[in-house]
Amino acid sequence: MIAGVRGTLLAKTGDRAVVATPGGVTYELGVPLGVLERLPGEGAEVSLSTVLVVRDDGWALFGFDDRTERTIFQRLLGASGVGPRLALALVSTLGGARLARAIHEADLAVLCTVPGVGKKTAERIVLELKDRLRDVASAAAEVVSLPAEQAVQALANLGYAAGEADRAVRAVLSREESLEPADLVRGALQLLTKSR
């Protein structure tokens, strides 16, 4: 089991971060949007707790700098029909605190804004995880959403699909360091209007 990775951040793009450890091993980790936003610039030291997902078709390592998001990701993997891609999309699009609240409060409309989550999948996630996320939902009740999450939500309110908004915000974050929500929305809108 790989419980964590500490080393130099070599790259961060899309939903990936590449970290080189002092021992000479380089890890590529899948990371949620919030983690990508909080990562320092390339060349800086980072420490991420990890979740290793072993499947028949390969191993995948996912990195988190927030215990709540890591816990939610792990519990999502325990729900039937939820694989690492969908779990990462849920945590990325909604953020840990909002996702925990949506599941605990059975807010299917919020869950269905995530790409790949339909009504049946949302219902199954709520049914299987509502009680298992009670502790996380109450702890996350006071957490304010991150600028990237606010930007994705703002773009969704403008009529863009959550997945499309998420990708655009990630693209802006991979070029720029820690922007305000308004800056992220502006940059994402420029990308989205070019692609149409």
N, C-alpha and C. Protein backbone atom coordinates (compact mmCIF):
# COMPACT_ATOMS: atom_id res chain seq x y z
N MET A 1 0.85 -1.19 0.00
CA MET A 1 0.00 0.00 0.00
C MET A 1 0.89 1.24 0.00
N ILE A 2 0.60 2.17 -0.88
CA ILE A 2 1.32 3.44 -0.92
C ILE A 2 0.42 4.46 -0.23
N ALA A 3 0.80 4.89 0.97
CA ALA A 3 -0.06 5.77 1.77
C ALA A 3 0.18 7.24 1.48
N GLY A 4 1.34 7.57 0.92
CA GLY A 4 1.63 8.97 0.65
C GLY A 4 2.84 9.13 -0.24
N VAL A 5 2.96 10.29 -0.83
CA VAL A 5 4.09 10.62 -1.70
C VAL A 5 4.59 12.00 -1.31
N ARG A 6 5.90 12.10 -1.12
CA ARG A 6 6.51 13.40 -0.81
C ARG A 6 7.70 13.59 -1.74
N GLY A 7 7.78 14.77 -2.35
CA GLY A 7 8.89 15.03 -3.26
C GLY A 7 8.70 16.34 -4.00
N THR A 8 9.35 16.43 -5.16
CA THR A 8 9.31 17.63 -5.98
C THR A 8 8.24 17.52 -7.04
N LEU A 9 7.41 18.54 -7.16
CA LEU A 9 6.37 18.56 -8.17
C LEU A 9 7.01 18.85 -9.53
N LEU A 10 6.92 17.90 -10.44
CA LEU A 10 7.51 18.07 -11.77
C LEU A 10 6.53 18.66 -12.77
N ALA A 11 5.26 18.28 -12.63
CA ALA A 11 4.25 18.76 -13.58
C ALA A 11 2.87 18.65 -12.97
N LYS A 12 1.98 19.53 -13.42
CA LYS A 12 0.57 19.42 -13.06
C LYS A 12 -0.26 19.87 -14.26
N THR A 13 -1.04 18.95 -14.79
CA THR A 13 -1.87 19.24 -15.95
C THR A 13 -3.17 18.46 -15.84
N GLY A 14 -4.26 19.07 -16.26
CA GLY A 14 -5.55 18.38 -16.27
C GLY A 14 -5.91 17.80 -14.93
N ASP A 15 -5.92 16.49 -14.85
CA ASP A 15 -6.22 15.83 -13.58
C ASP A 15 -5.03 15.01 -13.10
N ARG A 16 -3.82 15.42 -13.49
CA ARG A 16 -2.60 14.67 -13.14
C ARG A 16 -1.56 15.56 -12.47
N ALA A 17 -0.83 14.98 -11.54
CA ALA A 17 0.33 15.62 -10.94
C ALA A 17 1.46 14.60 -10.98
N VAL A 18 2.66 15.05 -11.30
CA VAL A 18 3.83 14.17 -11.36
C VAL A 18 4.79 14.62 -10.27
N VAL A 19 5.13 13.68 -9.37
CA VAL A 19 5.97 13.98 -8.22
C VAL A 19 7.18 13.05 -8.21
N ALA A 20 8.39 13.66 -8.13
CA ALA A 20 9.65 12.89 -8.05
C ALA A 20 10.09 12.85 -6.60
N THR A 21 10.28 11.64 -6.07
CA THR A 21 10.70 11.49 -4.67
C THR A 21 12.22 11.57 -4.59
N PRO A 22 12.75 11.88 -3.39
CA PRO A 22 14.20 11.94 -3.22
C PRO A 22 14.90 10.61 -3.53
N GLY A 23 14.15 9.50 -3.42
CA GLY A 23 14.72 8.18 -3.69
C GLY A 23 14.83 7.85 -5.17
N GLY A 24 14.39 8.77 -6.03
CA GLY A 24 14.52 8.55 -7.47
C GLY A 24 13.30 7.95 -8.14
N VAL A 25 12.22 7.75 -7.39
CA VAL A 25 11.00 7.21 -7.99
C VAL A 25 10.07 8.38 -8.33
N THR A 26 9.49 8.36 -9.52
CA THR A 26 8.57 9.40 -9.95
C THR A 26 7.17 8.80 -10.06
N TYR A 27 6.22 9.47 -9.43
CA TYR A 27 4.84 9.00 -9.42
C TYR A 27 3.95 9.95 -10.21
N GLU A 28 3.02 9.36 -10.98
CA GLU A 28 1.99 10.15 -11.63
C GLU A 28 0.69 9.84 -10.88
N LEU A 29 0.06 10.90 -10.37
CA LEU A 29 -1.13 10.74 -9.56
C LEU A 29 -2.32 11.44 -10.19
N GLY A 30 -3.47 10.81 -10.12
CA GLY A 30 -4.70 11.48 -10.48
C GLY A 30 -5.09 12.37 -9.29
N VAL A 31 -5.48 13.61 -9.55
CA VAL A 31 -5.83 14.52 -8.46
C VAL A 31 -7.14 15.24 -8.78
N PRO A 32 -7.95 15.52 -7.75
CA PRO A 32 -9.16 16.30 -7.96
C PRO A 32 -8.82 17.76 -8.30
N LEU A 33 -9.78 18.46 -8.83
CA LEU A 33 -9.60 19.85 -9.22
C LEU A 33 -9.13 20.72 -8.05
N GLY A 34 -9.70 20.52 -6.88
CA GLY A 34 -9.30 21.30 -5.70
C GLY A 34 -7.84 21.12 -5.35
N VAL A 35 -7.34 19.90 -5.46
CA VAL A 35 -5.93 19.62 -5.17
C VAL A 35 -5.06 20.30 -6.22
N LEU A 36 -5.45 20.17 -7.49
CA LEU A 36 -4.70 20.81 -8.57
C LEU A 36 -4.58 22.31 -8.32
N GLU A 37 -5.66 22.91 -7.86
CA GLU A 37 -5.67 24.34 -7.59
C GLU A 37 -4.73 24.71 -6.45
N ARG A 38 -4.66 23.86 -5.43
CA ARG A 38 -3.87 24.18 -4.24
C ARG A 38 -2.39 23.81 -4.37
N LEU A 39 -2.04 23.03 -5.39
CA LEU A 39 -0.64 22.64 -5.55
C LEU A 39 0.23 23.86 -5.83
N PRO A 40 1.46 23.86 -5.29
CA PRO A 40 2.37 24.98 -5.59
C PRO A 40 2.88 24.87 -7.02
N GLY A 41 3.75 25.78 -7.41
CA GLY A 41 4.32 25.75 -8.75
C GLY A 41 5.27 24.58 -8.95
N GLU A 42 5.55 24.28 -10.20
CA GLU A 42 6.47 23.19 -10.52
C GLU A 42 7.85 23.47 -9.90
N GLY A 43 8.47 22.43 -9.37
CA GLY A 43 9.76 22.57 -8.72
C GLY A 43 9.66 22.70 -7.21
N ALA A 44 8.45 22.92 -6.71
CA ALA A 44 8.25 23.05 -5.26
C ALA A 44 8.08 21.67 -4.62
N GLU A 45 8.31 21.63 -3.32
CA GLU A 45 8.11 20.38 -2.57
C GLU A 45 6.63 20.20 -2.27
N VAL A 46 6.15 18.97 -2.41
CA VAL A 46 4.75 18.65 -2.11
C VAL A 46 4.67 17.36 -1.31
N SER A 47 3.59 17.24 -0.58
CA SER A 47 3.30 16.02 0.16
C SER A 47 1.83 15.71 -0.01
N LEU A 48 1.52 14.55 -0.56
CA LEU A 48 0.14 14.16 -0.80
C LEU A 48 -0.13 12.80 -0.18
N SER A 49 -1.26 12.66 0.50
CA SER A 49 -1.70 11.34 0.92
C SER A 49 -2.33 10.68 -0.30
N THR A 50 -2.27 9.38 -0.37
CA THR A 50 -2.68 8.71 -1.61
C THR A 50 -3.67 7.58 -1.37
N VAL A 51 -4.33 7.22 -2.44
CA VAL A 51 -5.19 6.04 -2.49
C VAL A 51 -4.74 5.24 -3.70
N LEU A 52 -4.35 4.01 -3.48
CA LEU A 52 -3.94 3.13 -4.57
C LEU A 52 -5.12 2.26 -4.97
N VAL A 53 -5.49 2.30 -6.25
CA VAL A 53 -6.60 1.51 -6.76
C VAL A 53 -6.01 0.43 -7.67
N VAL A 54 -6.20 -0.82 -7.28
CA VAL A 54 -5.67 -1.96 -8.04
C VAL A 54 -6.84 -2.65 -8.73
N ARG A 55 -6.73 -2.73 -10.05
CA ARG A 55 -7.77 -3.40 -10.84
C ARG A 55 -7.10 -4.37 -11.80
N ASP A 56 -7.91 -5.17 -12.47
CA ASP A 56 -7.38 -6.15 -13.42
C ASP A 56 -6.58 -5.50 -14.53
N ASP A 57 -7.02 -4.31 -14.96
CA ASP A 57 -6.37 -3.66 -16.09
C ASP A 57 -5.23 -2.72 -15.69
N GLY A 58 -4.89 -2.65 -14.42
CA GLY A 58 -3.76 -1.82 -14.01
C GLY A 58 -3.93 -1.18 -12.64
N TRP A 59 -2.89 -0.51 -12.22
CA TRP A 59 -2.89 0.20 -10.94
C TRP A 59 -2.97 1.69 -11.21
N ALA A 60 -3.66 2.40 -10.33
CA ALA A 60 -3.75 3.85 -10.45
C ALA A 60 -3.58 4.46 -9.06
N LEU A 61 -2.84 5.56 -9.00
CA LEU A 61 -2.57 6.23 -7.74
C LEU A 61 -3.24 7.60 -7.77
N PHE A 62 -3.95 7.93 -6.71
CA PHE A 62 -4.66 9.19 -6.61
C PHE A 62 -4.15 9.95 -5.40
N GLY A 63 -3.92 11.26 -5.58
CA GLY A 63 -3.32 12.08 -4.52
C GLY A 63 -4.28 13.12 -3.97
N PHE A 64 -4.16 13.36 -2.66
CA PHE A 64 -5.03 14.31 -1.96
C PHE A 64 -4.21 15.08 -0.94
N ASP A 65 -4.54 16.37 -0.78
CA ASP A 65 -3.91 17.16 0.27
C ASP A 65 -4.92 17.48 1.37
N ASP A 66 -6.11 16.90 1.24
CA ASP A 66 -7.19 17.15 2.18
C ASP A 66 -7.76 15.81 2.65
N ARG A 67 -7.77 15.59 3.95
CA ARG A 67 -8.24 14.31 4.48
C ARG A 67 -9.70 14.03 4.13
N THR A 68 -10.51 15.08 4.15
CA THR A 68 -11.94 14.90 3.85
C THR A 68 -12.13 14.37 2.44
N GLU A 69 -11.46 14.98 1.46
CA GLU A 69 -11.60 14.53 0.08
C GLU A 69 -11.09 13.11 -0.09
N ARG A 70 -10.00 12.78 0.58
CA ARG A 70 -9.45 11.42 0.49
C ARG A 70 -10.44 10.41 1.06
N THR A 71 -11.02 10.72 2.21
CA THR A 71 -11.99 9.84 2.85
C THR A 71 -13.22 9.64 1.97
N ILE A 72 -13.73 10.73 1.41
CA ILE A 72 -14.90 10.64 0.54
C ILE A 72 -14.58 9.80 -0.69
N PHE A 73 -13.42 10.04 -1.29
CA PHE A 73 -13.00 9.27 -2.47
C PHE A 73 -12.98 7.78 -2.15
N GLN A 74 -12.38 7.42 -1.01
CA GLN A 74 -12.31 6.01 -0.62
C GLN A 74 -13.70 5.42 -0.42
N ARG A 75 -14.56 6.16 0.23
CA ARG A 75 -15.91 5.64 0.48
C ARG A 75 -16.72 5.55 -0.81
N LEU A 76 -16.50 6.47 -1.74
CA LEU A 76 -17.17 6.39 -3.03
C LEU A 76 -16.81 5.11 -3.76
N LEU A 77 -15.54 4.70 -3.65
CA LEU A 77 -15.09 3.48 -4.31
C LEU A 77 -15.80 2.24 -3.77
N GLY A 78 -16.34 2.35 -2.56
CA GLY A 78 -17.07 1.24 -1.95
C GLY A 78 -18.50 1.12 -2.44
N ALA A 79 -18.98 2.11 -3.17
CA ALA A 79 -20.35 2.06 -3.71
C ALA A 79 -20.36 1.27 -5.01
N SER A 80 -21.39 0.46 -5.21
CA SER A 80 -21.44 -0.34 -6.43
C SER A 80 -21.60 0.55 -7.66
N GLY A 81 -20.83 0.24 -8.68
CA GLY A 81 -20.90 0.99 -9.92
C GLY A 81 -20.07 2.27 -9.94
N VAL A 82 -19.35 2.55 -8.85
CA VAL A 82 -18.52 3.76 -8.80
C VAL A 82 -17.06 3.35 -8.86
N GLY A 83 -16.42 3.65 -9.97
CA GLY A 83 -14.99 3.38 -10.12
C GLY A 83 -14.19 4.63 -9.83
N PRO A 84 -12.86 4.54 -9.95
CA PRO A 84 -12.02 5.69 -9.63
C PRO A 84 -12.26 6.91 -10.51
N ARG A 85 -12.59 6.70 -11.78
CA ARG A 85 -12.85 7.85 -12.68
C ARG A 85 -14.07 8.64 -12.22
N LEU A 86 -15.14 7.92 -11.92
CA LEU A 86 -16.36 8.58 -11.49
C LEU A 86 -16.18 9.22 -10.11
N ALA A 87 -15.48 8.52 -9.22
CA ALA A 87 -15.23 9.08 -7.88
C ALA A 87 -14.42 10.36 -8.00
N LEU A 88 -13.41 10.37 -8.88
CA LEU A 88 -12.59 11.57 -9.08
C LEU A 88 -13.43 12.70 -9.68
N ALA A 89 -14.31 12.37 -10.62
CA ALA A 89 -15.18 13.38 -11.23
C ALA A 89 -16.12 13.99 -10.18
N LEU A 90 -16.65 13.16 -9.30
CA LEU A 90 -17.54 13.65 -8.24
C LEU A 90 -16.80 14.61 -7.31
N VAL A 91 -15.62 14.19 -6.85
CA VAL A 91 -14.85 15.04 -5.93
C VAL A 91 -14.38 16.31 -6.63
N SER A 92 -13.98 16.19 -7.90
CA SER A 92 -13.50 17.35 -8.65
C SER A 92 -14.59 18.38 -8.90
N THR A 93 -15.74 17.91 -9.35
CA THR A 93 -16.81 18.82 -9.74
C THR A 93 -17.46 19.49 -8.54
N LEU A 94 -17.69 18.72 -7.48
CA LEU A 94 -18.43 19.27 -6.35
C LEU A 94 -17.56 19.66 -5.16
N GLY A 95 -16.33 19.14 -5.09
CA GLY A 95 -15.51 19.40 -3.92
C GLY A 95 -15.95 18.51 -2.78
N GLY A 96 -15.06 18.26 -1.84
CA GLY A 96 -15.35 17.33 -0.75
C GLY A 96 -16.55 17.71 0.10
N ALA A 97 -16.58 18.95 0.57
CA ALA A 97 -17.63 19.38 1.49
C ALA A 97 -19.00 19.37 0.82
N ARG A 98 -19.07 19.91 -0.38
CA ARG A 98 -20.36 19.99 -1.08
C ARG A 98 -20.86 18.60 -1.47
N LEU A 99 -19.94 17.73 -1.87
CA LEU A 99 -20.31 16.37 -2.24
C LEU A 99 -20.86 15.61 -1.03
N ALA A 100 -20.17 15.73 0.10
CA ALA A 100 -20.63 15.05 1.31
C ALA A 100 -22.02 15.53 1.70
N ARG A 101 -22.25 16.85 1.62
CA ARG A 101 -23.57 17.39 1.96
C ARG A 101 -24.64 16.90 0.98
N ALA A 102 -24.29 16.89 -0.31
CA ALA A 102 -25.26 16.46 -1.33
C ALA A 102 -25.68 15.01 -1.11
N ILE A 103 -24.73 14.16 -0.76
CA ILE A 103 -25.05 12.75 -0.52
C ILE A 103 -25.86 12.62 0.77
N HIS A 104 -25.42 13.27 1.82
CA HIS A 104 -26.10 13.18 3.11
C HIS A 104 -27.52 13.72 3.04
N GLU A 105 -27.73 14.79 2.27
CA GLU A 105 -29.05 15.41 2.15
C GLU A 105 -29.86 14.83 0.98
N ALA A 106 -29.31 13.81 0.31
CA ALA A 106 -29.97 13.16 -0.83
C ALA A 106 -30.36 14.17 -1.91
N ASP A 107 -29.44 15.09 -2.21
CA ASP A 107 -29.67 16.12 -3.23
C ASP A 107 -29.28 15.56 -4.60
N LEU A 108 -30.21 14.87 -5.22
CA LEU A 108 -29.94 14.21 -6.50
C LEU A 108 -29.65 15.20 -7.60
N ALA A 109 -30.29 16.36 -7.56
CA ALA A 109 -30.08 17.38 -8.61
C ALA A 109 -28.61 17.81 -8.64
N VAL A 110 -28.01 18.01 -7.48
CA VAL A 110 -26.60 18.41 -7.43
C VAL A 110 -25.72 17.27 -7.93
N LEU A 111 -25.98 16.06 -7.50
CA LEU A 111 -25.17 14.92 -7.93
C LEU A 111 -25.25 14.70 -9.44
N CYS A 112 -26.42 14.96 -10.02
CA CYS A 112 -26.61 14.75 -11.46
C CYS A 112 -25.91 15.81 -12.31
N THR A 113 -25.36 16.85 -11.70
CA THR A 113 -24.60 17.84 -12.48
C THR A 113 -23.21 17.31 -12.83
N VAL A 114 -22.80 16.22 -12.22
CA VAL A 114 -21.48 15.63 -12.48
C VAL A 114 -21.55 14.78 -13.73
N PRO A 115 -20.60 14.96 -14.66
CA PRO A 115 -20.60 14.14 -15.88
C PRO A 115 -20.54 12.65 -15.53
N GLY A 116 -21.40 11.86 -16.16
CA GLY A 116 -21.42 10.42 -15.92
C GLY A 116 -22.36 9.99 -14.80
N VAL A 117 -23.01 10.95 -14.15
CA VAL A 117 -23.93 10.60 -13.07
C VAL A 117 -25.35 10.92 -13.51
N GLY A 118 -26.13 9.86 -13.70
CA GLY A 118 -27.55 10.02 -14.01
C GLY A 118 -28.36 9.83 -12.74
N LYS A 119 -29.65 9.88 -12.88
CA LYS A 119 -30.53 9.79 -11.71
C LYS A 119 -30.35 8.46 -10.97
N LYS A 120 -30.27 7.36 -11.71
CA LYS A 120 -30.14 6.04 -11.06
C LYS A 120 -28.83 5.93 -10.30
N THR A 121 -27.74 6.41 -10.92
CA THR A 121 -26.44 6.37 -10.26
C THR A 121 -26.46 7.24 -9.01
N ALA A 122 -27.05 8.42 -9.11
CA ALA A 122 -27.13 9.33 -7.96
C ALA A 122 -27.94 8.68 -6.83
N GLU A 123 -29.05 8.05 -7.19
CA GLU A 123 -29.88 7.38 -6.17
C GLU A 123 -29.11 6.26 -5.48
N ARG A 124 -28.35 5.49 -6.27
CA ARG A 124 -27.57 4.39 -5.70
C ARG A 124 -26.48 4.91 -4.76
N ILE A 125 -25.81 5.99 -5.17
CA ILE A 125 -24.76 6.58 -4.33
C ILE A 125 -25.36 7.05 -3.00
N VAL A 126 -26.50 7.72 -3.08
CA VAL A 126 -27.16 8.21 -1.85
C VAL A 126 -27.56 7.03 -0.97
N LEU A 127 -28.20 6.03 -1.57
CA LEU A 127 -28.67 4.87 -0.82
C LEU A 127 -27.53 4.17 -0.08
N GLU A 128 -26.40 3.98 -0.79
CA GLU A 128 -25.30 3.22 -0.22
C GLU A 128 -24.40 4.04 0.71
N LEU A 129 -24.33 5.36 0.50
CA LEU A 129 -23.34 6.15 1.24
C LEU A 129 -23.89 7.18 2.21
N LYS A 130 -25.19 7.40 2.19
CA LYS A 130 -25.77 8.46 3.03
C LYS A 130 -25.34 8.33 4.49
N ASP A 131 -25.50 7.17 5.05
CA ASP A 131 -25.13 6.97 6.46
C ASP A 131 -23.62 6.90 6.65
N ARG A 132 -22.91 6.40 5.66
CA ARG A 132 -21.46 6.25 5.78
C ARG A 132 -20.72 7.59 5.67
N LEU A 133 -21.40 8.63 5.18
CA LEU A 133 -20.77 9.95 5.06
C LEU A 133 -21.30 10.96 6.08
N ARG A 134 -22.10 10.49 7.03
CA ARG A 134 -22.69 11.40 8.01
C ARG A 134 -21.61 12.17 8.77
N ASP A 135 -20.55 11.48 9.20
CA ASP A 135 -19.47 12.14 9.96
C ASP A 135 -18.75 13.19 9.12
N VAL A 136 -18.52 12.88 7.85
CA VAL A 136 -17.82 13.80 6.96
C VAL A 136 -18.71 15.00 6.63
N ALA A 137 -20.00 14.76 6.41
CA ALA A 137 -20.94 15.84 6.06
C ALA A 137 -21.05 16.85 7.19
N SER A 138 -21.11 16.38 8.43
CA SER A 138 -21.23 17.32 9.55
C SER A 138 -19.94 18.10 9.75
N ALA A 139 -18.79 17.46 9.54
CA ALA A 139 -17.51 18.15 9.67
C ALA A 139 -17.31 19.16 8.55
N ALA A 140 -17.89 18.89 7.38
CA ALA A 140 -17.70 19.75 6.22
C ALA A 140 -18.74 20.86 6.12
N ALA A 141 -19.68 20.89 7.04
CA ALA A 141 -20.79 21.84 6.94
C ALA A 141 -20.35 23.29 6.89
N GLU A 142 -19.25 23.61 7.55
CA GLU A 142 -18.80 25.01 7.62
C GLU A 142 -17.77 25.38 6.58
N VAL A 143 -17.36 24.42 5.75
CA VAL A 143 -16.29 24.68 4.80
C VAL A 143 -16.79 25.53 3.63
N VAL A 144 -16.01 26.54 3.29
CA VAL A 144 -16.34 27.40 2.15
C VAL A 144 -15.73 26.79 0.90
N SER A 145 -16.46 26.77 -0.21
CA SER A 145 -15.95 26.15 -1.42
C SER A 145 -14.77 26.93 -1.98
N LEU A 146 -13.91 26.24 -2.68
CA LEU A 146 -12.70 26.82 -3.26
C LEU A 146 -13.03 27.64 -4.50
N PRO A 147 -12.13 28.56 -4.86
CA PRO A 147 -12.37 29.37 -6.06
C PRO A 147 -12.66 28.54 -7.31
N ALA A 148 -11.95 27.43 -7.49
CA ALA A 148 -12.19 26.60 -8.68
C ALA A 148 -13.59 26.02 -8.67
N GLU A 149 -14.04 25.56 -7.51
CA GLU A 149 -15.39 25.01 -7.41
C GLU A 149 -16.42 26.10 -7.67
N GLN A 150 -16.16 27.30 -7.15
CA GLN A 150 -17.08 28.42 -7.38
C GLN A 150 -17.12 28.77 -8.87
N ALA A 151 -15.97 28.72 -9.53
CA ALA A 151 -15.91 29.03 -10.96
C ALA A 151 -16.68 28.00 -11.78
N VAL A 152 -16.52 26.71 -11.45
CA VAL A 152 -17.25 25.65 -12.16
C VAL A 152 -18.75 25.85 -11.96
N GLN A 153 -19.15 26.17 -10.73
CA GLN A 153 -20.57 26.38 -10.46
C GLN A 153 -21.11 27.59 -11.22
N ALA A 154 -20.31 28.66 -11.27
CA ALA A 154 -20.73 29.87 -12.00
C ALA A 154 -20.92 29.55 -13.49
N LEU A 155 -20.00 28.79 -14.07
CA LEU A 155 -20.12 28.42 -15.48
C LEU A 155 -21.33 27.52 -15.71
N ALA A 156 -21.59 26.64 -14.75
CA ALA A 156 -22.78 25.77 -14.85
C ALA A 156 -24.05 26.62 -14.81
N ASN A 157 -24.03 27.66 -13.97
CA ASN A 157 -25.18 28.56 -13.89
C ASN A 157 -25.39 29.34 -15.19
N LEU A 158 -24.30 29.51 -15.95
CA LEU A 158 -24.39 30.20 -17.25
C LEU A 158 -24.86 29.27 -18.36
N GLY A 159 -25.05 27.99 -18.02
CA GLY A 159 -25.58 27.05 -18.99
C GLY A 159 -24.57 26.06 -19.55
N TYR A 160 -23.32 26.11 -19.10
CA TYR A 160 -22.32 25.15 -19.57
C TYR A 160 -22.46 23.85 -18.78
N ALA A 161 -22.18 22.74 -19.44
CA ALA A 161 -22.21 21.45 -18.77
C ALA A 161 -21.11 21.41 -17.71
N ALA A 162 -21.39 20.73 -16.60
CA ALA A 162 -20.43 20.69 -15.50
C ALA A 162 -19.08 20.13 -15.95
N GLY A 163 -19.09 19.09 -16.78
CA GLY A 163 -17.84 18.50 -17.25
C GLY A 163 -17.05 19.46 -18.13
N GLU A 164 -17.76 20.16 -19.00
CA GLU A 164 -17.15 21.13 -19.90
C GLU A 164 -16.55 22.28 -19.08
N ALA A 165 -17.29 22.75 -18.09
CA ALA A 165 -16.82 23.83 -17.21
C ALA A 165 -15.61 23.38 -16.41
N ASP A 166 -15.67 22.15 -15.90
CA ASP A 166 -14.57 21.58 -15.11
C ASP A 166 -13.29 21.53 -15.94
N ARG A 167 -13.38 21.04 -17.18
CA ARG A 167 -12.19 20.94 -18.05
C ARG A 167 -11.61 22.32 -18.35
N ALA A 168 -12.48 23.29 -18.60
CA ALA A 168 -12.00 24.65 -18.91
C ALA A 168 -11.30 25.27 -17.71
N VAL A 169 -11.86 25.09 -16.52
CA VAL A 169 -11.24 25.65 -15.31
C VAL A 169 -9.89 24.96 -15.05
N ARG A 170 -9.82 23.65 -15.28
CA ARG A 170 -8.55 22.92 -15.12
C ARG A 170 -7.49 23.47 -16.07
N ALA A 171 -7.92 23.73 -17.31
CA ALA A 171 -6.97 24.25 -18.30
C ALA A 171 -6.42 25.60 -17.87
N VAL A 172 -7.27 26.46 -17.33
CA VAL A 172 -6.82 27.77 -16.85
C VAL A 172 -5.87 27.59 -15.68
N LEU A 173 -6.22 26.68 -14.76
CA LEU A 173 -5.37 26.45 -13.58
C LEU A 173 -4.01 25.87 -13.94
N SER A 174 -3.95 25.09 -15.01
CA SER A 174 -2.66 24.50 -15.39
C SER A 174 -1.70 25.56 -15.94
N ARG A 175 -2.24 26.72 -16.36
CA ARG A 175 -1.40 27.80 -16.88
C ARG A 175 -1.12 28.86 -15.83
N GLU A 176 -2.06 29.06 -14.92
CA GLU A 176 -1.96 30.15 -13.95
C GLU A 176 -1.96 29.60 -12.53
N GLU A 177 -1.40 30.37 -11.62
CA GLU A 177 -1.38 29.99 -10.20
C GLU A 177 -2.51 30.70 -9.47
N SER A 178 -3.16 30.03 -8.58
CA SER A 178 -4.19 30.52 -7.65
C SER A 178 -4.88 31.82 -8.04
N LEU A 179 -5.87 31.70 -8.88
CA LEU A 179 -6.65 32.85 -9.32
C LEU A 179 -7.93 32.96 -8.50
N GLU A 180 -8.52 34.12 -8.54
CA GLU A 180 -9.83 34.34 -7.92
C GLU A 180 -10.90 33.72 -8.82
N PRO A 181 -12.08 33.41 -8.26
CA PRO A 181 -13.14 32.81 -9.09
C PRO A 181 -13.46 33.61 -10.35
N ALA A 182 -13.51 34.94 -10.23
CA ALA A 182 -13.83 35.77 -11.40
C ALA A 182 -12.78 35.61 -12.50
N ASP A 183 -11.50 35.54 -12.10
CA ASP A 183 -10.43 35.35 -13.09
C ASP A 183 -10.54 33.98 -13.75
N LEU A 184 -10.86 32.96 -12.95
CA LEU A 184 -11.01 31.61 -13.49
C LEU A 184 -12.18 31.55 -14.47
N VAL A 185 -13.29 32.20 -14.11
CA VAL A 185 -14.46 32.21 -15.00
C VAL A 185 -14.12 32.92 -16.30
N ARG A 186 -13.44 34.07 -16.20
CA ARG A 186 -13.05 34.82 -17.40
C ARG A 186 -12.18 33.97 -18.33
N GLY A 187 -11.13 33.36 -17.75
CA GLY A 187 -10.22 32.53 -18.55
C GLY A 187 -10.92 31.33 -19.15
N ALA A 188 -11.80 30.69 -18.36
CA ALA A 188 -12.52 29.52 -18.85
C ALA A 188 -13.49 29.92 -19.97
N LEU A 189 -14.15 31.06 -19.82
CA LEU A 189 -15.07 31.53 -20.86
C LEU A 189 -14.34 31.77 -22.18
N GLN A 190 -13.12 32.31 -22.10
CA GLN A 190 -12.35 32.52 -23.31
C GLN A 190 -12.08 31.19 -24.02
N LEU A 191 -11.71 30.17 -23.24
CA LEU A 191 -11.47 28.85 -23.83
C LEU A 191 -12.75 28.24 -24.39
N LEU A 192 -13.83 28.38 -23.64
CA LEU A 192 -15.09 27.77 -24.06
C LEU A 192 -15.65 28.43 -25.31
N THR A 193 -15.50 29.75 -25.44
CA THR A 193 -16.02 30.43 -26.63
C THR A 193 -15.17 30.13 -27.86
N LYS A 194 -13.87 29.89 -27.65
CA LYS A 194 -12.99 29.53 -28.78
C LYS A 194 -13.34 28.15 -29.33
N SER A 195 -13.74 27.24 -28.43
CA SER A 195 -14.01 25.86 -28.84
C SER A 195 -15.37 25.69 -29.49
N ARG A 196 -16.21 26.73 -29.49
CA ARG A 196 -17.55 26.60 -30.09
C ARG A 196 -17.59 27.15 -31.48
